[in-house]
Each structure stands twice: as structure tokens, then as C-alpha cells.
Amino acid sequence: MMRAVWFALVAMLVVSRAWAIDPEELADPQLQERYKSISHELRCMQCLNQSIADSPVSLAGDLRREVRELLLAGKTDEQVRQFMTDRYGDFILFRPRFSSRTVWLWSAPFVMLLIGGYIAIRVVRQRSRLVDSDTDPVDDIMEESTPPR
């Protein structure tokens, strides 16, 4: 029984390493950190809601390999991002750059906040006017709405 438990533990360790998305690490720790950072910023074009670092799809693996090769070739982080956007468009970036094409994306939260604030102020003012114009005594309303005992 003990042998079976040990065998299961060893098998789990071996298999978990085989299922890892990106088992190879770069020799330089700084380069490895840059690689991790960039791969978490790029969107998997097949999964759409995952970064290439988290996606198990083969396309994401190809993109990770491309990022690794670009970093090993001495490219800067910005050059890697530019290469990917030239190839796949701004959609590959989880945080798109501010440009004339993406101004609506960056300004939409502020516009929605302003619209929501305007609506909230109008509702509060309208309700406060209703309270001011109400002349019915509160006690009479309460007596009419309570059922007889």
C-alpha cells in the first residue's frame, strides 16, 4: 500500500512538469522576468480572454516562442510589443496604447461616469422636489395603510 502511495506521488510530480505550459526558463533571471512580464501583457489570439502565458493553445506556444527569440536577439520590451502589434494589430495588447483609434476606449469610462453622475443628481433633485411638494400628513397616510385589528 505504501509503495502505491509513493508511486502516485512521484507520478504526479513527473506528469505535472510535463503538463507545464512553458517549462524552459531563460538563463538570465532579468531576461526571464521580462519574458514573463511581456507574455502576460499579450492576448492569445485564439482564446481571446487569456494571456499567452496562461493559454495552453499551440498558437500561444508559438507566440511565447517568438517572444523568447526576440528577447534573446536583444530586442527591447517595446520592440517586442511593436513587432506583435505590427503582426496582429492592437488587439493583441491587453492594455492598448492611447492613439486616435483607441481614444474612445480610454475615454469611455470617464464619459460613463459623468453620465451616471448627471443621472444620479437629476434623480436626487427630482425626489427632493417631490418631498417638498408633499402636503399630506405622514400620520394620516400611516393610519390609512394599516389594516384594522
N, C-alpha and C. Protein backbone atom coordinates (compact mmCIF):
# COMPACT_ATOMS: atom_id res chain seq x y z
N MET A 1 0.83 -1.20 0.00
CA MET A 1 0.00 0.00 0.00
C MET A 1 0.88 1.26 0.00
N MET A 2 1.92 1.26 0.79
CA MET A 2 2.82 2.41 0.87
C MET A 2 3.54 2.64 -0.46
N ARG A 3 3.88 1.54 -1.15
CA ARG A 3 4.52 1.67 -2.46
C ARG A 3 3.59 2.36 -3.45
N ALA A 4 2.33 2.03 -3.41
CA ALA A 4 1.36 2.63 -4.33
C ALA A 4 1.24 4.13 -4.08
N VAL A 5 1.27 4.54 -2.83
CA VAL A 5 1.19 5.96 -2.48
C VAL A 5 2.42 6.68 -3.00
N TRP A 6 3.60 6.12 -2.77
CA TRP A 6 4.84 6.74 -3.24
C TRP A 6 4.86 6.81 -4.76
N PHE A 7 4.42 5.76 -5.41
CA PHE A 7 4.37 5.74 -6.87
C PHE A 7 3.42 6.83 -7.38
N ALA A 8 2.29 6.99 -6.75
CA ALA A 8 1.33 8.01 -7.16
C ALA A 8 1.91 9.41 -7.00
N LEU A 9 2.61 9.66 -5.89
CA LEU A 9 3.23 10.97 -5.66
C LEU A 9 4.29 11.28 -6.70
N VAL A 10 5.14 10.32 -6.99
CA VAL A 10 6.20 10.51 -7.99
C VAL A 10 5.57 10.73 -9.37
N ALA A 11 4.55 9.95 -9.69
CA ALA A 11 3.89 10.09 -10.99
C ALA A 11 3.26 11.48 -11.12
N MET A 12 2.65 11.99 -10.05
CA MET A 12 2.04 13.32 -10.10
C MET A 12 3.10 14.40 -10.33
N LEU A 13 4.26 14.27 -9.70
CA LEU A 13 5.32 15.25 -9.89
C LEU A 13 5.84 15.22 -11.32
N VAL A 14 6.03 14.05 -11.87
CA VAL A 14 6.55 13.92 -13.23
C VAL A 14 5.54 14.43 -14.24
N VAL A 15 4.28 14.05 -14.09
CA VAL A 15 3.25 14.45 -15.03
C VAL A 15 2.98 15.94 -14.95
N SER A 16 2.98 16.52 -13.77
CA SER A 16 2.72 17.95 -13.64
C SER A 16 3.78 18.77 -14.37
N ARG A 17 5.02 18.30 -14.34
CA ARG A 17 6.08 19.00 -15.07
C ARG A 17 5.87 18.87 -16.58
N ALA A 18 5.37 17.73 -17.03
CA ALA A 18 5.13 17.53 -18.45
C ALA A 18 3.97 18.38 -18.94
N TRP A 19 3.00 18.67 -18.09
CA TRP A 19 1.85 19.48 -18.48
C TRP A 19 2.10 20.98 -18.34
N ALA A 20 3.23 21.36 -17.87
CA ALA A 20 3.53 22.79 -17.71
C ALA A 20 3.49 23.48 -19.06
N ILE A 21 2.99 24.70 -19.08
CA ILE A 21 2.84 25.44 -20.33
C ILE A 21 4.19 25.84 -20.89
N ASP A 22 5.07 26.32 -20.05
CA ASP A 22 6.37 26.81 -20.52
C ASP A 22 7.47 26.32 -19.57
N PRO A 23 7.91 25.09 -19.72
CA PRO A 23 8.84 24.52 -18.75
C PRO A 23 10.24 25.11 -18.80
N GLU A 24 10.67 25.63 -19.96
CA GLU A 24 12.03 26.15 -20.07
C GLU A 24 12.13 27.53 -19.46
N GLU A 25 13.19 27.75 -18.72
CA GLU A 25 13.44 29.09 -18.20
C GLU A 25 14.69 29.63 -18.88
N LEU A 26 14.73 30.93 -19.04
CA LEU A 26 15.90 31.57 -19.63
C LEU A 26 17.03 31.60 -18.62
N ALA A 27 18.24 31.59 -19.11
CA ALA A 27 19.41 31.54 -18.23
C ALA A 27 19.55 32.82 -17.39
N ASP A 28 19.25 33.95 -17.99
CA ASP A 28 19.37 35.23 -17.30
C ASP A 28 18.08 35.52 -16.53
N PRO A 29 18.14 35.70 -15.19
CA PRO A 29 16.92 35.96 -14.42
C PRO A 29 16.20 37.25 -14.83
N GLN A 30 16.96 38.29 -15.20
CA GLN A 30 16.34 39.53 -15.64
C GLN A 30 15.58 39.33 -16.94
N LEU A 31 16.17 38.57 -17.84
CA LEU A 31 15.52 38.27 -19.11
C LEU A 31 14.28 37.42 -18.89
N GLN A 32 14.34 36.51 -17.93
CA GLN A 32 13.18 35.67 -17.60
C GLN A 32 12.03 36.52 -17.07
N GLU A 33 12.34 37.50 -16.23
CA GLU A 33 11.30 38.39 -15.71
C GLU A 33 10.68 39.23 -16.82
N ARG A 34 11.51 39.73 -17.73
CA ARG A 34 10.99 40.48 -18.87
C ARG A 34 10.10 39.60 -19.72
N TYR A 35 10.51 38.37 -19.93
CA TYR A 35 9.72 37.41 -20.72
C TYR A 35 8.36 37.17 -20.07
N LYS A 36 8.36 36.95 -18.75
CA LYS A 36 7.09 36.73 -18.04
C LYS A 36 6.19 37.95 -18.13
N SER A 37 6.77 39.12 -17.95
CA SER A 37 6.00 40.36 -18.00
C SER A 37 5.35 40.55 -19.36
N ILE A 38 6.12 40.39 -20.42
CA ILE A 38 5.59 40.59 -21.76
C ILE A 38 4.56 39.53 -22.10
N SER A 39 4.82 38.29 -21.73
CA SER A 39 3.88 37.23 -22.09
C SER A 39 2.55 37.36 -21.34
N HIS A 40 2.55 38.07 -20.21
CA HIS A 40 1.28 38.33 -19.51
C HIS A 40 0.55 39.54 -20.08
N GLU A 41 1.24 40.36 -20.87
CA GLU A 41 0.63 41.54 -21.48
C GLU A 41 0.01 41.25 -22.83
N LEU A 42 0.37 40.13 -23.44
CA LEU A 42 -0.11 39.82 -24.79
C LEU A 42 -1.28 38.85 -24.74
N ARG A 43 -2.29 39.12 -25.52
CA ARG A 43 -3.52 38.32 -25.56
C ARG A 43 -3.34 37.15 -26.53
N CYS A 44 -3.85 36.00 -26.13
CA CYS A 44 -3.89 34.85 -27.02
C CYS A 44 -4.94 35.13 -28.09
N MET A 45 -4.58 35.05 -29.34
CA MET A 45 -5.49 35.38 -30.42
C MET A 45 -6.56 34.30 -30.64
N GLN A 46 -6.35 33.14 -30.07
CA GLN A 46 -7.33 32.07 -30.20
C GLN A 46 -8.27 32.03 -28.99
N CYS A 47 -7.72 32.21 -27.79
CA CYS A 47 -8.54 32.17 -26.57
C CYS A 47 -9.24 33.49 -26.31
N LEU A 48 -8.61 34.59 -26.65
CA LEU A 48 -9.11 35.96 -26.53
C LEU A 48 -9.20 36.49 -25.11
N ASN A 49 -9.46 35.68 -24.12
CA ASN A 49 -9.56 36.22 -22.77
C ASN A 49 -8.41 35.75 -21.89
N GLN A 50 -7.40 35.17 -22.47
CA GLN A 50 -6.23 34.71 -21.71
C GLN A 50 -4.97 35.32 -22.31
N SER A 51 -3.98 35.47 -21.46
CA SER A 51 -2.70 35.92 -21.97
C SER A 51 -1.99 34.72 -22.59
N ILE A 52 -0.97 35.00 -23.37
CA ILE A 52 -0.24 33.89 -23.99
C ILE A 52 0.51 33.09 -22.93
N ALA A 53 0.77 33.69 -21.78
CA ALA A 53 1.45 32.98 -20.70
C ALA A 53 0.55 31.92 -20.08
N ASP A 54 -0.76 32.16 -20.06
CA ASP A 54 -1.70 31.25 -19.41
C ASP A 54 -2.39 30.29 -20.36
N SER A 55 -2.29 30.54 -21.65
CA SER A 55 -3.04 29.75 -22.62
C SER A 55 -2.28 28.47 -23.02
N PRO A 56 -2.97 27.33 -23.03
CA PRO A 56 -2.33 26.08 -23.44
C PRO A 56 -2.41 25.82 -24.95
N VAL A 57 -2.98 26.73 -25.71
CA VAL A 57 -3.18 26.55 -27.15
C VAL A 57 -1.85 26.63 -27.88
N SER A 58 -1.74 25.91 -28.99
CA SER A 58 -0.47 25.87 -29.72
C SER A 58 -0.09 27.24 -30.29
N LEU A 59 -1.09 28.05 -30.68
CA LEU A 59 -0.79 29.39 -31.17
C LEU A 59 -0.11 30.23 -30.08
N ALA A 60 -0.59 30.11 -28.86
CA ALA A 60 0.03 30.83 -27.75
C ALA A 60 1.46 30.33 -27.53
N GLY A 61 1.66 29.03 -27.68
CA GLY A 61 3.01 28.49 -27.56
C GLY A 61 3.94 29.07 -28.62
N ASP A 62 3.42 29.23 -29.85
CA ASP A 62 4.21 29.84 -30.92
C ASP A 62 4.54 31.30 -30.59
N LEU A 63 3.56 32.01 -30.04
CA LEU A 63 3.79 33.40 -29.68
C LEU A 63 4.80 33.52 -28.54
N ARG A 64 4.71 32.61 -27.56
CA ARG A 64 5.69 32.62 -26.46
C ARG A 64 7.09 32.35 -27.01
N ARG A 65 7.18 31.42 -27.94
CA ARG A 65 8.48 31.09 -28.54
C ARG A 65 9.02 32.30 -29.31
N GLU A 66 8.13 33.01 -30.01
CA GLU A 66 8.54 34.20 -30.75
C GLU A 66 9.04 35.29 -29.79
N VAL A 67 8.32 35.51 -28.69
CA VAL A 67 8.75 36.50 -27.69
C VAL A 67 10.11 36.11 -27.13
N ARG A 68 10.28 34.84 -26.82
CA ARG A 68 11.57 34.35 -26.28
C ARG A 68 12.70 34.62 -27.27
N GLU A 69 12.48 34.32 -28.55
CA GLU A 69 13.51 34.52 -29.56
C GLU A 69 13.84 36.00 -29.74
N LEU A 70 12.82 36.85 -29.70
CA LEU A 70 13.07 38.29 -29.83
C LEU A 70 13.88 38.82 -28.65
N LEU A 71 13.56 38.36 -27.45
CA LEU A 71 14.31 38.80 -26.27
C LEU A 71 15.75 38.30 -26.33
N LEU A 72 15.92 37.07 -26.75
CA LEU A 72 17.28 36.53 -26.86
C LEU A 72 18.07 37.23 -27.95
N ALA A 73 17.38 37.79 -28.95
CA ALA A 73 18.04 38.54 -30.02
C ALA A 73 18.43 39.95 -29.58
N GLY A 74 18.03 40.32 -28.34
CA GLY A 74 18.42 41.62 -27.82
C GLY A 74 17.40 42.72 -28.01
N LYS A 75 16.20 42.38 -28.41
CA LYS A 75 15.15 43.39 -28.60
C LYS A 75 14.66 43.91 -27.25
N THR A 76 14.25 45.17 -27.23
CA THR A 76 13.69 45.75 -26.01
C THR A 76 12.23 45.31 -25.87
N ASP A 77 11.66 45.56 -24.70
CA ASP A 77 10.27 45.21 -24.47
C ASP A 77 9.36 45.93 -25.46
N GLU A 78 9.64 47.20 -25.70
CA GLU A 78 8.82 47.98 -26.62
C GLU A 78 8.95 47.46 -28.05
N GLN A 79 10.13 47.03 -28.44
CA GLN A 79 10.31 46.47 -29.78
C GLN A 79 9.55 45.15 -29.94
N VAL A 80 9.49 44.36 -28.88
CA VAL A 80 8.73 43.11 -28.92
C VAL A 80 7.24 43.42 -29.06
N ARG A 81 6.75 44.37 -28.25
CA ARG A 81 5.33 44.76 -28.35
C ARG A 81 5.02 45.31 -29.74
N GLN A 82 5.91 46.12 -30.28
CA GLN A 82 5.70 46.70 -31.61
C GLN A 82 5.68 45.61 -32.67
N PHE A 83 6.56 44.63 -32.57
CA PHE A 83 6.57 43.52 -33.50
C PHE A 83 5.23 42.77 -33.48
N MET A 84 4.74 42.52 -32.27
CA MET A 84 3.47 41.79 -32.15
C MET A 84 2.29 42.61 -32.66
N THR A 85 2.27 43.92 -32.38
CA THR A 85 1.16 44.74 -32.88
C THR A 85 1.24 44.94 -34.38
N ASP A 86 2.44 45.00 -34.94
CA ASP A 86 2.56 45.08 -36.40
C ASP A 86 2.01 43.82 -37.05
N ARG A 87 2.22 42.71 -36.39
CA ARG A 87 1.80 41.43 -36.94
C ARG A 87 0.32 41.12 -36.70
N TYR A 88 -0.19 41.44 -35.47
CA TYR A 88 -1.54 41.05 -35.09
C TYR A 88 -2.48 42.22 -34.80
N GLY A 89 -1.99 43.42 -34.80
CA GLY A 89 -2.82 44.59 -34.52
C GLY A 89 -2.84 44.91 -33.03
N ASP A 90 -3.48 46.02 -32.68
CA ASP A 90 -3.54 46.48 -31.29
C ASP A 90 -4.32 45.53 -30.39
N PHE A 91 -5.15 44.70 -30.99
CA PHE A 91 -5.99 43.78 -30.21
C PHE A 91 -5.16 42.80 -29.38
N ILE A 92 -3.93 42.54 -29.78
CA ILE A 92 -3.11 41.57 -29.05
C ILE A 92 -2.67 42.12 -27.69
N LEU A 93 -2.69 43.41 -27.52
CA LEU A 93 -2.30 44.02 -26.25
C LEU A 93 -3.48 44.06 -25.29
N PHE A 94 -3.27 43.60 -24.05
CA PHE A 94 -4.32 43.71 -23.05
C PHE A 94 -4.53 45.16 -22.65
N ARG A 95 -3.48 45.96 -22.68
CA ARG A 95 -3.57 47.39 -22.41
C ARG A 95 -3.18 48.14 -23.68
N PRO A 96 -4.16 48.44 -24.54
CA PRO A 96 -3.84 49.09 -25.80
C PRO A 96 -3.24 50.48 -25.60
N ARG A 97 -2.46 50.89 -26.56
CA ARG A 97 -1.84 52.22 -26.49
C ARG A 97 -2.89 53.31 -26.73
N PHE A 98 -2.62 54.48 -26.22
CA PHE A 98 -3.51 55.63 -26.45
C PHE A 98 -3.19 56.21 -27.82
N SER A 99 -4.17 56.18 -28.71
CA SER A 99 -4.00 56.74 -30.05
C SER A 99 -5.34 57.26 -30.52
N SER A 100 -5.36 57.80 -31.71
CA SER A 100 -6.63 58.33 -32.23
C SER A 100 -7.65 57.21 -32.45
N ARG A 101 -7.19 56.00 -32.68
CA ARG A 101 -8.11 54.88 -32.87
C ARG A 101 -8.65 54.33 -31.56
N THR A 102 -7.91 54.53 -30.46
CA THR A 102 -8.34 53.96 -29.18
C THR A 102 -8.78 55.02 -28.17
N VAL A 103 -8.95 56.26 -28.62
CA VAL A 103 -9.35 57.32 -27.69
C VAL A 103 -10.71 57.02 -27.08
N TRP A 104 -11.62 56.43 -27.84
CA TRP A 104 -12.95 56.08 -27.31
C TRP A 104 -12.83 55.04 -26.21
N LEU A 105 -11.89 54.13 -26.35
CA LEU A 105 -11.70 53.08 -25.34
C LEU A 105 -11.22 53.66 -24.02
N TRP A 106 -10.30 54.62 -24.10
CA TRP A 106 -9.76 55.22 -22.89
C TRP A 106 -10.70 56.25 -22.27
N SER A 107 -11.50 56.92 -23.10
CA SER A 107 -12.38 57.96 -22.57
C SER A 107 -13.75 57.43 -22.15
N ALA A 108 -14.15 56.26 -22.60
CA ALA A 108 -15.48 55.72 -22.29
C ALA A 108 -15.76 55.61 -20.79
N PRO A 109 -14.84 55.12 -19.96
CA PRO A 109 -15.15 55.07 -18.52
C PRO A 109 -15.44 56.44 -17.91
N PHE A 110 -14.70 57.46 -18.32
CA PHE A 110 -14.92 58.80 -17.78
C PHE A 110 -16.25 59.37 -18.26
N VAL A 111 -16.56 59.15 -19.52
CA VAL A 111 -17.84 59.63 -20.07
C VAL A 111 -18.99 58.93 -19.36
N MET A 112 -18.89 57.62 -19.16
CA MET A 112 -19.95 56.89 -18.47
C MET A 112 -20.09 57.36 -17.02
N LEU A 113 -18.98 57.67 -16.37
CA LEU A 113 -19.01 58.18 -15.01
C LEU A 113 -19.72 59.54 -14.96
N LEU A 114 -19.42 60.40 -15.91
CA LEU A 114 -20.09 61.69 -15.98
C LEU A 114 -21.58 61.53 -16.23
N ILE A 115 -21.96 60.66 -17.15
CA ILE A 115 -23.38 60.43 -17.44
C ILE A 115 -24.08 59.86 -16.21
N GLY A 116 -23.46 58.89 -15.55
CA GLY A 116 -24.04 58.32 -14.33
C GLY A 116 -24.19 59.35 -13.23
N GLY A 117 -23.21 60.22 -13.06
CA GLY A 117 -23.30 61.29 -12.07
C GLY A 117 -24.41 62.27 -12.39
N TYR A 118 -24.54 62.64 -13.65
CA TYR A 118 -25.61 63.54 -14.07
C TYR A 118 -26.98 62.93 -13.79
N ILE A 119 -27.15 61.66 -14.12
CA ILE A 119 -28.43 60.98 -13.87
C ILE A 119 -28.72 60.90 -12.37
N ALA A 120 -27.70 60.57 -11.58
CA ALA A 120 -27.89 60.47 -10.13
C ALA A 120 -28.29 61.82 -9.54
N ILE A 121 -27.66 62.89 -9.96
CA ILE A 121 -28.00 64.23 -9.45
C ILE A 121 -29.43 64.60 -9.84
N ARG A 122 -29.83 64.31 -11.08
CA ARG A 122 -31.21 64.61 -11.51
C ARG A 122 -32.22 63.82 -10.70
N VAL A 123 -31.97 62.55 -10.44
CA VAL A 123 -32.91 61.72 -9.67
C VAL A 123 -33.03 62.25 -8.25
N VAL A 124 -31.91 62.57 -7.62
CA VAL A 124 -31.94 63.08 -6.25
C VAL A 124 -32.69 64.41 -6.19
N ARG A 125 -32.44 65.32 -7.11
CA ARG A 125 -33.14 66.61 -7.11
C ARG A 125 -34.63 66.44 -7.35
N GLN A 126 -34.97 65.55 -8.27
CA GLN A 126 -36.39 65.32 -8.57
C GLN A 126 -37.11 64.74 -7.35
N ARG A 127 -36.50 63.82 -6.67
CA ARG A 127 -37.12 63.23 -5.48
C ARG A 127 -37.20 64.22 -4.33
N SER A 128 -36.20 65.08 -4.21
CA SER A 128 -36.27 66.07 -3.12
C SER A 128 -37.38 67.08 -3.40
N ARG A 129 -37.63 67.41 -4.67
CA ARG A 129 -38.76 68.29 -5.02
C ARG A 129 -40.08 67.62 -4.69
N LEU A 130 -40.18 66.32 -4.89
CA LEU A 130 -41.40 65.59 -4.55
C LEU A 130 -41.67 65.65 -3.05
N VAL A 131 -40.64 65.52 -2.25
CA VAL A 131 -40.81 65.57 -0.79
C VAL A 131 -41.24 66.97 -0.37
N ASP A 132 -40.66 68.00 -0.95
CA ASP A 132 -41.02 69.38 -0.61
C ASP A 132 -42.47 69.69 -0.99
N SER A 133 -42.95 69.14 -2.10
CA SER A 133 -44.31 69.46 -2.55
C SER A 133 -45.37 68.56 -1.91
N ASP A 134 -44.97 67.58 -1.14
CA ASP A 134 -45.93 66.68 -0.49
C ASP A 134 -46.53 67.37 0.73
N THR A 135 -47.87 67.53 0.73
CA THR A 135 -48.55 68.22 1.83
C THR A 135 -49.35 67.28 2.71
N ASP A 136 -49.44 66.02 2.34
CA ASP A 136 -50.19 65.07 3.16
C ASP A 136 -49.45 64.80 4.46
N PRO A 137 -50.18 64.81 5.58
CA PRO A 137 -49.52 64.49 6.85
C PRO A 137 -49.12 63.01 6.85
N VAL A 138 -47.99 62.73 7.44
CA VAL A 138 -47.46 61.37 7.46
C VAL A 138 -48.35 60.47 8.30
N ASP A 139 -48.91 60.97 9.42
CA ASP A 139 -49.73 60.15 10.30
C ASP A 139 -51.00 59.66 9.61
N ASP A 140 -51.63 60.53 8.80
CA ASP A 140 -52.85 60.13 8.10
C ASP A 140 -52.56 59.02 7.09
N ILE A 141 -51.46 59.09 6.44
CA ILE A 141 -51.10 58.06 5.46
C ILE A 141 -50.86 56.74 6.18
N MET A 142 -50.19 56.79 7.32
CA MET A 142 -49.91 55.56 8.07
C MET A 142 -51.19 54.94 8.59
N GLU A 143 -52.14 55.75 9.05
CA GLU A 143 -53.40 55.20 9.57
C GLU A 143 -54.24 54.57 8.47
N GLU A 144 -54.20 55.16 7.27
CA GLU A 144 -54.98 54.61 6.15
C GLU A 144 -54.39 53.31 5.66
N SER A 145 -53.08 53.15 5.74
CA SER A 145 -52.47 51.95 5.17
C SER A 145 -52.43 50.77 6.13
N THR A 146 -52.63 51.01 7.43
CA THR A 146 -52.60 49.88 8.37
C THR A 146 -53.99 49.25 8.45
N PRO A 147 -54.05 47.92 8.40
CA PRO A 147 -55.36 47.24 8.47
C PRO A 147 -55.92 47.28 9.90
N PRO A 148 -57.26 47.22 10.03
CA PRO A 148 -57.84 47.25 11.41
C PRO A 148 -57.52 45.96 12.14
N ARG A 149 -57.46 46.07 13.47
CA ARG A 149 -57.10 44.89 14.29
C ARG A 149 -58.31 44.24 14.86
